[in-house]
N, C-alpha and C. Protein backbone atom coordinates (compact mmCIF):
# COMPACT_ATOMS: atom_id res chain seq x y z
N MET A 1 -2.91 -10.00 0.12
CA MET A 1 -2.93 -8.53 0.13
C MET A 1 -1.62 -8.00 -0.43
N LYS A 2 -1.71 -6.78 -0.97
CA LYS A 2 -0.54 -6.09 -1.47
C LYS A 2 0.09 -5.31 -0.31
N ALA A 3 1.39 -5.52 -0.09
CA ALA A 3 2.05 -4.97 1.09
C ALA A 3 3.20 -4.04 0.74
N VAL A 4 3.42 -3.07 1.65
CA VAL A 4 4.60 -2.20 1.58
C VAL A 4 5.50 -2.55 2.76
N ILE A 5 6.77 -2.77 2.48
CA ILE A 5 7.76 -3.00 3.52
C ILE A 5 8.45 -1.67 3.83
N TYR A 6 8.53 -1.33 5.13
CA TYR A 6 9.19 -0.09 5.52
C TYR A 6 10.28 -0.40 6.54
N CYS A 7 11.52 -0.04 6.19
CA CYS A 7 12.67 -0.25 7.08
C CYS A 7 13.30 1.10 7.37
N ARG A 8 13.72 1.30 8.63
CA ARG A 8 14.33 2.59 8.98
C ARG A 8 15.40 2.41 10.05
N VAL A 9 16.50 3.17 9.88
CA VAL A 9 17.50 3.34 10.93
C VAL A 9 17.70 4.83 11.11
N SER A 10 18.24 5.22 12.24
CA SER A 10 18.28 6.65 12.55
C SER A 10 19.60 7.34 12.26
N THR A 11 20.65 6.59 11.90
CA THR A 11 21.95 7.20 11.65
C THR A 11 22.55 6.68 10.36
N ASP A 12 23.69 7.29 9.98
CA ASP A 12 24.41 6.87 8.78
C ASP A 12 25.61 6.00 9.12
N LYS A 13 25.68 5.52 10.35
CA LYS A 13 26.81 4.69 10.74
C LYS A 13 26.85 3.41 9.93
N THR A 14 28.05 2.94 9.63
CA THR A 14 28.22 1.78 8.78
C THR A 14 27.51 0.55 9.33
N GLN A 15 27.56 0.37 10.66
CA GLN A 15 26.96 -0.83 11.24
C GLN A 15 25.44 -0.86 11.09
N GLN A 16 24.84 0.31 10.84
CA GLN A 16 23.40 0.35 10.66
C GLN A 16 22.96 -0.25 9.33
N GLU A 17 23.91 -0.36 8.39
CA GLU A 17 23.59 -0.96 7.10
C GLU A 17 23.11 -2.39 7.28
N THR A 18 23.76 -3.11 8.20
CA THR A 18 23.35 -4.50 8.44
C THR A 18 21.96 -4.56 9.05
N SER A 19 21.59 -3.53 9.84
CA SER A 19 20.27 -3.49 10.43
C SER A 19 19.20 -3.34 9.35
N LEU A 20 19.44 -2.51 8.36
CA LEU A 20 18.50 -2.34 7.26
C LEU A 20 18.33 -3.65 6.49
N VAL A 21 19.44 -4.31 6.24
CA VAL A 21 19.40 -5.58 5.50
C VAL A 21 18.62 -6.62 6.30
N ARG A 22 18.88 -6.67 7.60
CA ARG A 22 18.19 -7.65 8.46
C ARG A 22 16.70 -7.36 8.52
N GLN A 23 16.33 -6.08 8.66
CA GLN A 23 14.92 -5.73 8.70
C GLN A 23 14.21 -6.18 7.41
N LYS A 24 14.84 -5.90 6.27
CA LYS A 24 14.25 -6.27 5.00
C LYS A 24 14.07 -7.77 4.88
N GLN A 25 15.09 -8.52 5.26
CA GLN A 25 15.02 -9.98 5.16
C GLN A 25 13.91 -10.54 6.04
N GLU A 26 13.82 -10.04 7.28
CA GLU A 26 12.80 -10.53 8.20
C GLU A 26 11.38 -10.19 7.70
N LEU A 27 11.24 -9.00 7.13
CA LEU A 27 9.92 -8.58 6.66
C LEU A 27 9.51 -9.31 5.39
N MET A 28 10.48 -9.63 4.54
CA MET A 28 10.16 -10.41 3.35
C MET A 28 9.70 -11.81 3.74
N LYS A 29 10.30 -12.35 4.80
CA LYS A 29 9.87 -13.66 5.31
C LYS A 29 8.46 -13.57 5.89
N LEU A 30 8.19 -12.47 6.60
CA LEU A 30 6.85 -12.27 7.17
C LEU A 30 5.81 -12.18 6.04
N ALA A 31 6.16 -11.47 4.98
CA ALA A 31 5.25 -11.35 3.83
C ALA A 31 5.00 -12.71 3.20
N ALA A 32 6.06 -13.53 3.11
CA ALA A 32 5.92 -14.86 2.53
C ALA A 32 5.02 -15.74 3.41
N ASP A 33 5.19 -15.61 4.73
CA ASP A 33 4.38 -16.41 5.67
C ASP A 33 2.89 -16.12 5.51
N TYR A 34 2.56 -14.85 5.23
CA TYR A 34 1.16 -14.45 5.09
C TYR A 34 0.72 -14.40 3.62
N GLN A 35 1.62 -14.78 2.74
CA GLN A 35 1.36 -14.80 1.30
C GLN A 35 0.95 -13.41 0.78
N PHE A 36 1.64 -12.38 1.30
CA PHE A 36 1.43 -11.02 0.82
C PHE A 36 2.26 -10.80 -0.44
N THR A 37 1.78 -9.92 -1.30
CA THR A 37 2.54 -9.51 -2.47
C THR A 37 3.21 -8.18 -2.16
N ILE A 38 4.53 -8.13 -2.23
CA ILE A 38 5.27 -6.91 -1.92
C ILE A 38 5.27 -5.99 -3.14
N VAL A 39 4.70 -4.80 -2.98
CA VAL A 39 4.66 -3.85 -4.09
C VAL A 39 5.76 -2.79 -3.97
N LYS A 40 6.29 -2.62 -2.77
CA LYS A 40 7.34 -1.62 -2.57
C LYS A 40 8.10 -1.91 -1.29
N CYS A 41 9.44 -1.79 -1.37
CA CYS A 41 10.29 -1.92 -0.17
C CYS A 41 11.01 -0.59 0.02
N ILE A 42 10.67 0.10 1.11
CA ILE A 42 11.23 1.43 1.38
C ILE A 42 12.25 1.33 2.51
N GLN A 43 13.45 1.87 2.27
CA GLN A 43 14.50 1.88 3.28
C GLN A 43 15.03 3.31 3.42
N GLU A 44 15.18 3.78 4.65
CA GLU A 44 15.74 5.11 4.81
C GLU A 44 16.44 5.29 6.16
N ARG A 45 17.32 6.27 6.18
CA ARG A 45 18.05 6.63 7.38
C ARG A 45 17.57 8.00 7.85
N GLU A 46 16.64 7.99 8.76
CA GLU A 46 16.04 9.24 9.25
C GLU A 46 15.64 9.07 10.71
N SER A 47 15.53 10.18 11.41
CA SER A 47 15.07 10.15 12.79
C SER A 47 13.60 9.76 12.84
N GLY A 48 13.24 8.97 13.83
CA GLY A 48 11.85 8.56 14.00
C GLY A 48 10.97 9.67 14.55
N TYR A 49 11.60 10.77 14.99
CA TYR A 49 10.83 11.87 15.57
C TYR A 49 10.36 12.88 14.52
N THR A 50 10.90 12.76 13.30
CA THR A 50 10.47 13.68 12.25
C THR A 50 9.49 12.99 11.32
N ILE A 51 8.49 13.75 10.87
CA ILE A 51 7.50 13.18 9.96
C ILE A 51 7.84 13.53 8.51
N ASP A 52 8.79 14.45 8.34
CA ASP A 52 9.20 14.89 7.00
C ASP A 52 10.23 13.90 6.44
N ARG A 53 9.72 12.73 6.04
CA ARG A 53 10.57 11.68 5.49
C ARG A 53 10.03 11.25 4.14
N ASP A 54 10.90 11.13 3.16
CA ASP A 54 10.46 10.72 1.82
C ASP A 54 9.75 9.38 1.86
N GLY A 55 10.29 8.45 2.64
CA GLY A 55 9.70 7.12 2.71
C GLY A 55 8.28 7.12 3.23
N ILE A 56 8.02 7.95 4.23
CA ILE A 56 6.67 8.05 4.80
C ILE A 56 5.68 8.55 3.77
N PHE A 57 6.08 9.58 3.01
CA PHE A 57 5.17 10.12 2.00
C PHE A 57 4.98 9.14 0.84
N GLN A 58 6.00 8.35 0.56
CA GLN A 58 5.85 7.32 -0.47
C GLN A 58 4.80 6.30 -0.07
N LEU A 59 4.90 5.80 1.17
CA LEU A 59 3.95 4.76 1.59
C LEU A 59 2.53 5.31 1.74
N LEU A 60 2.40 6.55 2.23
CA LEU A 60 1.06 7.14 2.36
C LEU A 60 0.43 7.35 0.98
N GLU A 61 1.26 7.70 0.00
CA GLU A 61 0.74 7.87 -1.36
C GLU A 61 0.27 6.54 -1.94
N LEU A 62 1.01 5.48 -1.67
CA LEU A 62 0.61 4.15 -2.14
C LEU A 62 -0.72 3.72 -1.52
N PHE A 63 -0.87 3.98 -0.22
CA PHE A 63 -2.09 3.58 0.47
C PHE A 63 -3.27 4.46 0.04
N SER A 64 -3.05 5.76 -0.11
CA SER A 64 -4.12 6.66 -0.52
C SER A 64 -4.60 6.33 -1.93
N GLY A 65 -3.65 5.90 -2.79
CA GLY A 65 -3.99 5.54 -4.15
C GLY A 65 -4.48 4.12 -4.30
N LYS A 66 -4.63 3.43 -3.17
CA LYS A 66 -5.13 2.04 -3.15
C LYS A 66 -4.23 1.10 -3.96
N LYS A 67 -2.93 1.40 -3.97
CA LYS A 67 -1.98 0.54 -4.66
C LYS A 67 -1.36 -0.48 -3.70
N ALA A 68 -1.65 -0.33 -2.42
CA ALA A 68 -1.18 -1.28 -1.40
C ALA A 68 -2.22 -1.33 -0.29
N GLU A 69 -2.22 -2.45 0.45
CA GLU A 69 -3.30 -2.68 1.42
C GLU A 69 -2.84 -2.90 2.85
N CYS A 70 -1.55 -3.10 3.07
CA CYS A 70 -1.06 -3.29 4.43
C CYS A 70 0.40 -2.86 4.53
N LEU A 71 0.84 -2.60 5.75
CA LEU A 71 2.20 -2.14 6.00
C LEU A 71 2.94 -3.17 6.85
N LEU A 72 4.21 -3.43 6.49
CA LEU A 72 5.05 -4.36 7.23
C LEU A 72 6.25 -3.61 7.80
N ILE A 73 6.42 -3.66 9.13
CA ILE A 73 7.55 -3.02 9.80
C ILE A 73 8.12 -3.97 10.84
N GLN A 74 9.36 -3.71 11.25
CA GLN A 74 9.98 -4.57 12.26
C GLN A 74 9.25 -4.44 13.60
N ASP A 75 9.05 -3.20 14.04
CA ASP A 75 8.27 -2.91 15.24
C ASP A 75 7.78 -1.48 15.13
N GLU A 76 6.96 -1.05 16.06
CA GLU A 76 6.31 0.26 15.94
C GLU A 76 7.30 1.42 15.95
N THR A 77 8.48 1.24 16.57
CA THR A 77 9.45 2.34 16.61
C THR A 77 10.08 2.60 15.25
N ARG A 78 10.03 1.62 14.34
CA ARG A 78 10.57 1.83 12.99
C ARG A 78 9.69 2.83 12.23
N LEU A 79 8.39 2.82 12.52
CA LEU A 79 7.48 3.75 11.86
C LEU A 79 7.71 5.16 12.38
N GLY A 80 7.89 5.28 13.70
CA GLY A 80 8.13 6.60 14.27
C GLY A 80 8.20 6.53 15.78
N ARG A 81 8.52 7.67 16.38
CA ARG A 81 8.61 7.75 17.83
C ARG A 81 7.84 8.99 18.31
N GLY A 82 7.39 8.93 19.55
CA GLY A 82 6.70 10.08 20.15
C GLY A 82 5.42 10.44 19.41
N ASN A 83 5.20 11.75 19.26
CA ASN A 83 4.00 12.24 18.60
C ASN A 83 3.93 11.84 17.13
N THR A 84 5.09 11.70 16.51
CA THR A 84 5.13 11.29 15.10
C THR A 84 4.51 9.90 14.93
N LYS A 85 4.83 9.01 15.83
CA LYS A 85 4.29 7.65 15.77
C LYS A 85 2.76 7.68 15.90
N ILE A 86 2.25 8.45 16.84
CA ILE A 86 0.80 8.54 17.05
C ILE A 86 0.12 9.13 15.82
N ALA A 87 0.71 10.18 15.25
CA ALA A 87 0.13 10.83 14.07
C ALA A 87 0.05 9.86 12.90
N LEU A 88 1.09 9.04 12.71
CA LEU A 88 1.11 8.08 11.60
C LEU A 88 0.15 6.92 11.87
N PHE A 89 0.07 6.47 13.10
CA PHE A 89 -0.91 5.44 13.45
C PHE A 89 -2.32 5.94 13.10
N HIS A 90 -2.60 7.18 13.46
CA HIS A 90 -3.93 7.75 13.22
C HIS A 90 -4.22 7.83 11.72
N GLN A 91 -3.24 8.28 10.95
CA GLN A 91 -3.43 8.42 9.51
C GLN A 91 -3.66 7.06 8.86
N LEU A 92 -2.89 6.06 9.25
CA LEU A 92 -3.05 4.72 8.69
C LEU A 92 -4.39 4.10 9.09
N HIS A 93 -4.83 4.40 10.31
CA HIS A 93 -6.12 3.90 10.78
C HIS A 93 -7.25 4.50 9.93
N LYS A 94 -7.15 5.79 9.60
CA LYS A 94 -8.16 6.43 8.77
C LYS A 94 -8.20 5.84 7.36
N LEU A 95 -7.05 5.36 6.91
CA LEU A 95 -6.98 4.76 5.58
C LEU A 95 -7.32 3.26 5.62
N HIS A 96 -7.61 2.74 6.83
CA HIS A 96 -7.95 1.33 7.04
C HIS A 96 -6.79 0.42 6.62
N ILE A 97 -5.58 0.80 7.00
CA ILE A 97 -4.39 0.02 6.66
C ILE A 97 -3.91 -0.77 7.88
N PRO A 98 -3.97 -2.09 7.84
CA PRO A 98 -3.44 -2.90 8.95
C PRO A 98 -1.91 -2.89 8.94
N ILE A 99 -1.32 -2.99 10.12
CA ILE A 99 0.14 -2.99 10.26
C ILE A 99 0.58 -4.34 10.81
N TYR A 100 1.54 -4.96 10.13
CA TYR A 100 2.10 -6.24 10.58
C TYR A 100 3.55 -6.03 10.97
N THR A 101 3.97 -6.67 12.08
CA THR A 101 5.35 -6.53 12.54
C THR A 101 5.98 -7.89 12.78
N THR A 102 7.30 -7.92 12.62
CA THR A 102 8.03 -9.15 12.94
C THR A 102 8.08 -9.34 14.46
N TYR A 103 8.01 -8.22 15.19
CA TYR A 103 8.05 -8.29 16.65
C TYR A 103 6.85 -9.07 17.18
N HIS A 104 5.67 -8.80 16.61
CA HIS A 104 4.46 -9.51 17.04
C HIS A 104 4.23 -10.78 16.25
N GLY A 105 4.97 -10.94 15.17
CA GLY A 105 4.76 -12.12 14.33
C GLY A 105 3.42 -12.10 13.63
N GLY A 106 2.87 -10.91 13.47
CA GLY A 106 1.55 -10.76 12.84
C GLY A 106 1.10 -9.33 12.97
N GLU A 107 -0.22 -9.12 13.10
CA GLU A 107 -0.74 -7.76 13.14
C GLU A 107 -0.34 -7.05 14.43
N LEU A 108 -0.02 -5.77 14.29
CA LEU A 108 0.44 -4.96 15.41
C LEU A 108 -0.59 -4.88 16.52
N GLU A 109 -0.14 -5.04 17.75
CA GLU A 109 -0.99 -4.89 18.93
C GLU A 109 -0.59 -3.61 19.64
N LEU A 110 -1.44 -2.60 19.59
CA LEU A 110 -1.13 -1.33 20.23
C LEU A 110 -1.16 -1.45 21.75
N SER A 111 -0.31 -0.67 22.39
CA SER A 111 -0.33 -0.62 23.85
C SER A 111 -1.61 0.07 24.30
N GLU A 112 -1.98 -0.14 25.55
CA GLU A 112 -3.19 0.49 26.08
C GLU A 112 -3.09 2.01 26.01
N ALA A 113 -1.89 2.54 26.30
CA ALA A 113 -1.68 3.99 26.28
C ALA A 113 -1.85 4.55 24.88
N ASP A 114 -1.25 3.87 23.88
CA ASP A 114 -1.36 4.33 22.50
C ASP A 114 -2.81 4.27 22.01
N SER A 115 -3.52 3.21 22.38
CA SER A 115 -4.91 3.06 21.98
C SER A 115 -5.76 4.19 22.56
N MET A 116 -5.48 4.55 23.81
CA MET A 116 -6.24 5.62 24.46
C MET A 116 -5.99 6.96 23.78
N VAL A 117 -4.72 7.23 23.45
CA VAL A 117 -4.39 8.49 22.77
C VAL A 117 -5.07 8.57 21.41
N LEU A 118 -5.07 7.47 20.66
CA LEU A 118 -5.70 7.44 19.35
C LEU A 118 -7.21 7.68 19.45
N GLN A 119 -7.84 7.13 20.49
CA GLN A 119 -9.26 7.35 20.69
C GLN A 119 -9.55 8.83 20.95
N ILE A 120 -8.68 9.46 21.75
CA ILE A 120 -8.85 10.88 22.06
C ILE A 120 -8.68 11.72 20.81
N VAL A 121 -7.65 11.39 20.02
CA VAL A 121 -7.40 12.12 18.76
C VAL A 121 -8.61 11.99 17.83
N GLY A 122 -9.16 10.78 17.75
CA GLY A 122 -10.32 10.55 16.89
C GLY A 122 -11.53 11.35 17.34
N ILE A 123 -11.76 11.42 18.65
CA ILE A 123 -12.90 12.17 19.18
C ILE A 123 -12.74 13.66 18.89
N VAL A 124 -11.53 14.18 19.12
CA VAL A 124 -11.26 15.60 18.86
C VAL A 124 -11.47 15.92 17.38
N GLU A 125 -10.97 15.07 16.50
CA GLU A 125 -11.11 15.29 15.06
C GLU A 125 -12.58 15.26 14.63
N GLU A 126 -13.35 14.35 15.22
CA GLU A 126 -14.78 14.25 14.89
C GLU A 126 -15.52 15.51 15.30
N TYR A 127 -15.21 16.05 16.48
CA TYR A 127 -15.88 17.27 16.92
C TYR A 127 -15.43 18.48 16.11
N GLN A 128 -14.19 18.49 15.67
CA GLN A 128 -13.73 19.56 14.78
C GLN A 128 -14.51 19.53 13.47
N ARG A 129 -14.74 18.32 12.95
CA ARG A 129 -15.50 18.16 11.72
C ARG A 129 -16.94 18.65 11.91
N LYS A 130 -17.55 18.28 13.05
CA LYS A 130 -18.93 18.69 13.31
C LYS A 130 -19.03 20.21 13.42
N ILE A 131 -18.08 20.83 14.12
CA ILE A 131 -18.09 22.28 14.28
C ILE A 131 -17.95 22.97 12.93
N HIS A 132 -17.06 22.43 12.09
CA HIS A 132 -16.84 23.00 10.76
C HIS A 132 -18.12 22.93 9.93
N ASN A 133 -18.79 21.78 9.96
CA ASN A 133 -20.03 21.61 9.19
C ASN A 133 -21.14 22.52 9.71
N ILE A 134 -21.24 22.65 11.03
CA ILE A 134 -22.26 23.51 11.62
C ILE A 134 -22.04 24.96 11.21
N LYS A 135 -20.78 25.40 11.17
CA LYS A 135 -20.46 26.77 10.77
C LYS A 135 -20.89 27.02 9.32
N ILE A 136 -20.65 26.02 8.44
CA ILE A 136 -21.06 26.17 7.04
C ILE A 136 -22.58 26.28 6.93
N LYS A 137 -23.28 25.38 7.62
CA LYS A 137 -24.75 25.37 7.55
C LYS A 137 -25.33 26.65 8.12
N ARG A 138 -24.80 27.10 9.28
CA ARG A 138 -25.33 28.31 9.91
C ARG A 138 -25.09 29.53 9.01
N GLY A 139 -23.91 29.56 8.38
CA GLY A 139 -23.59 30.67 7.50
C GLY A 139 -24.52 30.74 6.30
N MET A 140 -24.79 29.57 5.69
CA MET A 140 -25.68 29.53 4.53
C MET A 140 -27.12 29.87 4.93
N ASN A 141 -27.58 29.31 6.05
CA ASN A 141 -28.95 29.59 6.51
C ASN A 141 -29.14 31.07 6.85
N LYS A 142 -28.12 31.65 7.47
CA LYS A 142 -28.21 33.07 7.82
C LYS A 142 -28.27 33.93 6.57
N ALA A 143 -27.45 33.60 5.58
CA ALA A 143 -27.41 34.37 4.34
C ALA A 143 -28.75 34.29 3.61
N ILE A 144 -29.32 33.09 3.55
CA ILE A 144 -30.61 32.91 2.86
C ILE A 144 -31.73 33.62 3.62
N ALA A 145 -31.67 33.55 4.97
CA ALA A 145 -32.69 34.20 5.79
C ALA A 145 -32.65 35.72 5.62
N GLU A 146 -31.49 36.25 5.32
CA GLU A 146 -31.33 37.70 5.13
C GLU A 146 -31.60 38.12 3.69
N GLY A 147 -32.08 37.14 2.88
CA GLY A 147 -32.48 37.48 1.53
C GLY A 147 -31.45 37.22 0.47
N TYR A 148 -30.36 36.56 0.83
CA TYR A 148 -29.32 36.29 -0.16
C TYR A 148 -29.82 35.28 -1.19
N ASP A 149 -29.63 35.59 -2.46
CA ASP A 149 -30.05 34.71 -3.55
C ASP A 149 -28.80 34.21 -4.26
N PRO A 150 -28.44 32.92 -4.10
CA PRO A 150 -27.22 32.39 -4.73
C PRO A 150 -27.22 32.56 -6.24
N SER A 151 -28.37 32.65 -6.84
CA SER A 151 -28.44 32.71 -8.31
C SER A 151 -27.82 33.99 -8.87
N VAL A 152 -27.69 35.03 -8.03
CA VAL A 152 -27.14 36.28 -8.55
C VAL A 152 -25.67 36.13 -8.93
N ASN A 153 -25.02 35.10 -8.39
CA ASN A 153 -23.61 34.87 -8.70
C ASN A 153 -23.40 33.88 -9.82
N LEU A 154 -24.47 33.31 -10.33
CA LEU A 154 -24.33 32.27 -11.33
C LEU A 154 -23.96 32.88 -12.68
N SER A 155 -22.98 32.25 -13.32
CA SER A 155 -22.56 32.71 -14.64
C SER A 155 -23.29 31.90 -15.70
N ASN A 156 -23.39 32.44 -16.90
CA ASN A 156 -24.00 31.76 -18.04
C ASN A 156 -25.46 31.38 -17.78
N ARG A 157 -26.21 32.23 -17.04
CA ARG A 157 -27.60 31.91 -16.73
C ARG A 157 -28.47 31.91 -17.99
N HIS A 158 -27.97 32.67 -19.04
CA HIS A 158 -28.76 32.79 -20.26
C HIS A 158 -28.70 31.55 -21.13
N LYS A 159 -27.74 30.65 -20.85
CA LYS A 159 -27.58 29.47 -21.71
C LYS A 159 -28.62 28.40 -21.35
N ALA A 160 -29.01 27.67 -22.35
CA ALA A 160 -29.98 26.59 -22.11
C ALA A 160 -29.34 25.51 -21.27
N PRO A 161 -30.08 24.91 -20.32
CA PRO A 161 -29.51 23.85 -19.51
C PRO A 161 -29.07 22.67 -20.36
N GLY A 162 -27.94 22.10 -19.98
CA GLY A 162 -27.45 20.91 -20.65
C GLY A 162 -26.65 21.20 -21.90
N ARG A 163 -26.47 22.49 -22.22
CA ARG A 163 -25.73 22.82 -23.44
C ARG A 163 -24.27 22.43 -23.31
N GLU A 164 -23.72 22.57 -22.11
CA GLU A 164 -22.33 22.16 -21.89
C GLU A 164 -22.18 21.55 -20.50
N ARG A 165 -21.15 20.77 -20.35
CA ARG A 165 -20.91 20.10 -19.07
C ARG A 165 -20.61 21.13 -17.99
N LYS A 166 -21.36 21.08 -16.93
CA LYS A 166 -21.18 22.06 -15.86
C LYS A 166 -19.82 21.90 -15.22
N LYS A 167 -19.19 23.03 -14.93
CA LYS A 167 -17.86 23.02 -14.34
C LYS A 167 -17.92 23.50 -12.90
N PHE A 168 -17.36 22.71 -12.01
CA PHE A 168 -17.24 23.11 -10.61
C PHE A 168 -16.12 22.28 -9.99
N PRO A 169 -15.53 22.74 -8.89
CA PRO A 169 -14.36 22.06 -8.30
C PRO A 169 -14.72 20.74 -7.61
N ILE A 170 -14.37 19.63 -8.25
CA ILE A 170 -14.67 18.32 -7.66
C ILE A 170 -13.90 18.13 -6.35
N GLU A 171 -12.74 18.80 -6.24
CA GLU A 171 -11.95 18.69 -5.00
C GLU A 171 -12.74 19.24 -3.81
N GLU A 172 -13.51 20.32 -4.05
CA GLU A 172 -14.32 20.89 -2.98
C GLU A 172 -15.47 19.96 -2.62
N VAL A 173 -16.03 19.29 -3.62
CA VAL A 173 -17.10 18.32 -3.36
C VAL A 173 -16.57 17.19 -2.48
N ILE A 174 -15.39 16.68 -2.82
CA ILE A 174 -14.79 15.58 -2.06
C ILE A 174 -14.51 16.02 -0.63
N ARG A 175 -13.96 17.24 -0.47
CA ARG A 175 -13.65 17.74 0.87
C ARG A 175 -14.90 17.87 1.72
N LEU A 176 -15.95 18.46 1.14
CA LEU A 176 -17.19 18.64 1.88
C LEU A 176 -17.86 17.31 2.19
N ARG A 177 -17.76 16.37 1.25
CA ARG A 177 -18.34 15.04 1.47
C ARG A 177 -17.63 14.34 2.61
N GLN A 178 -16.29 14.46 2.65
CA GLN A 178 -15.51 13.86 3.73
C GLN A 178 -15.85 14.49 5.07
N ASN A 179 -16.30 15.76 5.02
CA ASN A 179 -16.70 16.44 6.25
C ASN A 179 -18.13 16.12 6.66
N GLY A 180 -18.79 15.23 5.88
CA GLY A 180 -20.11 14.75 6.28
C GLY A 180 -21.30 15.48 5.72
N LEU A 181 -21.09 16.42 4.79
CA LEU A 181 -22.22 17.13 4.22
C LEU A 181 -22.95 16.24 3.23
N THR A 182 -24.26 16.43 3.13
CA THR A 182 -25.05 15.71 2.14
C THR A 182 -24.84 16.35 0.77
N PHE A 183 -25.26 15.65 -0.30
CA PHE A 183 -25.10 16.20 -1.64
C PHE A 183 -25.95 17.46 -1.81
N ALA A 184 -27.10 17.50 -1.15
CA ALA A 184 -27.95 18.69 -1.22
C ALA A 184 -27.25 19.88 -0.59
N GLU A 185 -26.62 19.66 0.57
CA GLU A 185 -25.90 20.74 1.26
C GLU A 185 -24.69 21.19 0.46
N ILE A 186 -24.02 20.23 -0.19
CA ILE A 186 -22.87 20.57 -1.03
C ILE A 186 -23.30 21.42 -2.21
N ALA A 187 -24.46 21.07 -2.82
CA ALA A 187 -24.98 21.84 -3.94
C ALA A 187 -25.28 23.27 -3.53
N VAL A 188 -25.89 23.45 -2.35
CA VAL A 188 -26.19 24.79 -1.84
C VAL A 188 -24.91 25.58 -1.65
N THR A 189 -23.90 24.93 -1.07
CA THR A 189 -22.61 25.58 -0.83
C THR A 189 -21.98 26.03 -2.14
N LEU A 190 -21.98 25.14 -3.14
CA LEU A 190 -21.38 25.47 -4.44
C LEU A 190 -22.14 26.60 -5.13
N ASN A 191 -23.47 26.58 -5.01
CA ASN A 191 -24.27 27.67 -5.59
C ASN A 191 -23.92 28.99 -4.93
N GLY A 192 -23.68 28.95 -3.63
CA GLY A 192 -23.29 30.15 -2.92
C GLY A 192 -21.93 30.67 -3.36
N LEU A 193 -21.10 29.77 -3.89
CA LEU A 193 -19.79 30.16 -4.39
C LEU A 193 -19.83 30.57 -5.86
N GLY A 194 -21.03 30.48 -6.45
CA GLY A 194 -21.16 30.94 -7.83
C GLY A 194 -21.21 29.86 -8.88
N TYR A 195 -21.37 28.61 -8.48
CA TYR A 195 -21.45 27.50 -9.45
C TYR A 195 -22.89 27.03 -9.58
N THR A 196 -23.41 27.06 -10.80
CA THR A 196 -24.78 26.61 -11.02
C THR A 196 -24.79 25.08 -11.12
N VAL A 197 -25.24 24.45 -10.08
CA VAL A 197 -25.19 22.99 -10.04
C VAL A 197 -26.30 22.47 -9.13
N SER A 198 -26.86 21.33 -9.51
CA SER A 198 -27.93 20.72 -8.72
C SER A 198 -27.38 19.59 -7.87
N LYS A 199 -28.20 19.14 -6.93
CA LYS A 199 -27.81 18.00 -6.08
C LYS A 199 -27.52 16.78 -6.94
N ALA A 200 -28.36 16.53 -7.94
CA ALA A 200 -28.19 15.34 -8.80
C ALA A 200 -26.87 15.40 -9.56
N THR A 201 -26.51 16.60 -10.03
CA THR A 201 -25.25 16.74 -10.78
C THR A 201 -24.06 16.52 -9.87
N VAL A 202 -24.12 17.07 -8.66
CA VAL A 202 -23.04 16.88 -7.69
C VAL A 202 -22.86 15.40 -7.39
N HIS A 203 -23.98 14.71 -7.14
CA HIS A 203 -23.93 13.28 -6.83
C HIS A 203 -23.36 12.49 -8.00
N ARG A 204 -23.82 12.80 -9.22
CA ARG A 204 -23.34 12.07 -10.40
C ARG A 204 -21.85 12.28 -10.64
N ARG A 205 -21.39 13.52 -10.51
CA ARG A 205 -19.97 13.81 -10.74
C ARG A 205 -19.09 13.17 -9.66
N TYR A 206 -19.61 13.13 -8.44
CA TYR A 206 -18.88 12.48 -7.33
C TYR A 206 -18.72 10.99 -7.60
N GLN A 207 -19.80 10.35 -8.07
CA GLN A 207 -19.76 8.92 -8.39
C GLN A 207 -18.79 8.65 -9.55
N GLU A 208 -18.76 9.53 -10.53
CA GLU A 208 -17.84 9.39 -11.66
C GLU A 208 -16.39 9.45 -11.17
N HIS A 209 -16.14 10.39 -10.27
CA HIS A 209 -14.78 10.54 -9.74
C HIS A 209 -14.36 9.31 -8.95
N GLN A 210 -15.28 8.75 -8.17
CA GLN A 210 -14.97 7.56 -7.37
C GLN A 210 -14.65 6.38 -8.29
N LYS A 211 -15.39 6.25 -9.38
CA LYS A 211 -15.16 5.16 -10.34
C LYS A 211 -13.80 5.31 -10.99
N GLU A 212 -13.38 6.54 -11.28
CA GLU A 212 -12.08 6.79 -11.88
C GLU A 212 -10.95 6.36 -10.97
N LEU A 213 -11.15 6.58 -9.65
CA LEU A 213 -10.14 6.18 -8.68
C LEU A 213 -10.01 4.68 -8.57
N ASN A 214 -11.12 3.97 -8.75
CA ASN A 214 -11.11 2.52 -8.64
C ASN A 214 -10.72 1.86 -9.98
């Protein structure tokens, strides 16, 4: 697997320099033991309680872009502390990124308390997603029931179909898809926003975008 090494100390004191060096050396050995390929080694001096760290955004960008597949840290406190640690654990879990530590000599083992908090966060997020989707569906159904015709907002209705590539925000398609909407529901939503597009076109463009990412 392709791995990112993340090392952190919380102060600029001179003696902390040796801690960064030691963390890096230990994590490179861990990577060698598991035959991981190191794609990036991030080192920074920042508080573990803040999430506004350049190193954190670098590693999340690598994972989101599928340029790395696992994270290597000395122990869980190097990633963060308090709520920041839980938020980052949750984000990495959503990206399906395993965490390896020198402390455990392998994959991170979450404490019972941390596991419970993450489960609660996941449940809350899932219900927020469901509520959001229900609001969209109820809004569209109510509008249609009251006689709303999405076609009145469509531009270029006079043009023959297929004359030009249909334009609509793929970012909105991705967001709605991540929220669990079907391609048919996404097409209805886009039509309501003024984009003339069919379910098949939405599905095809989504698949094209996914292929580009891979």
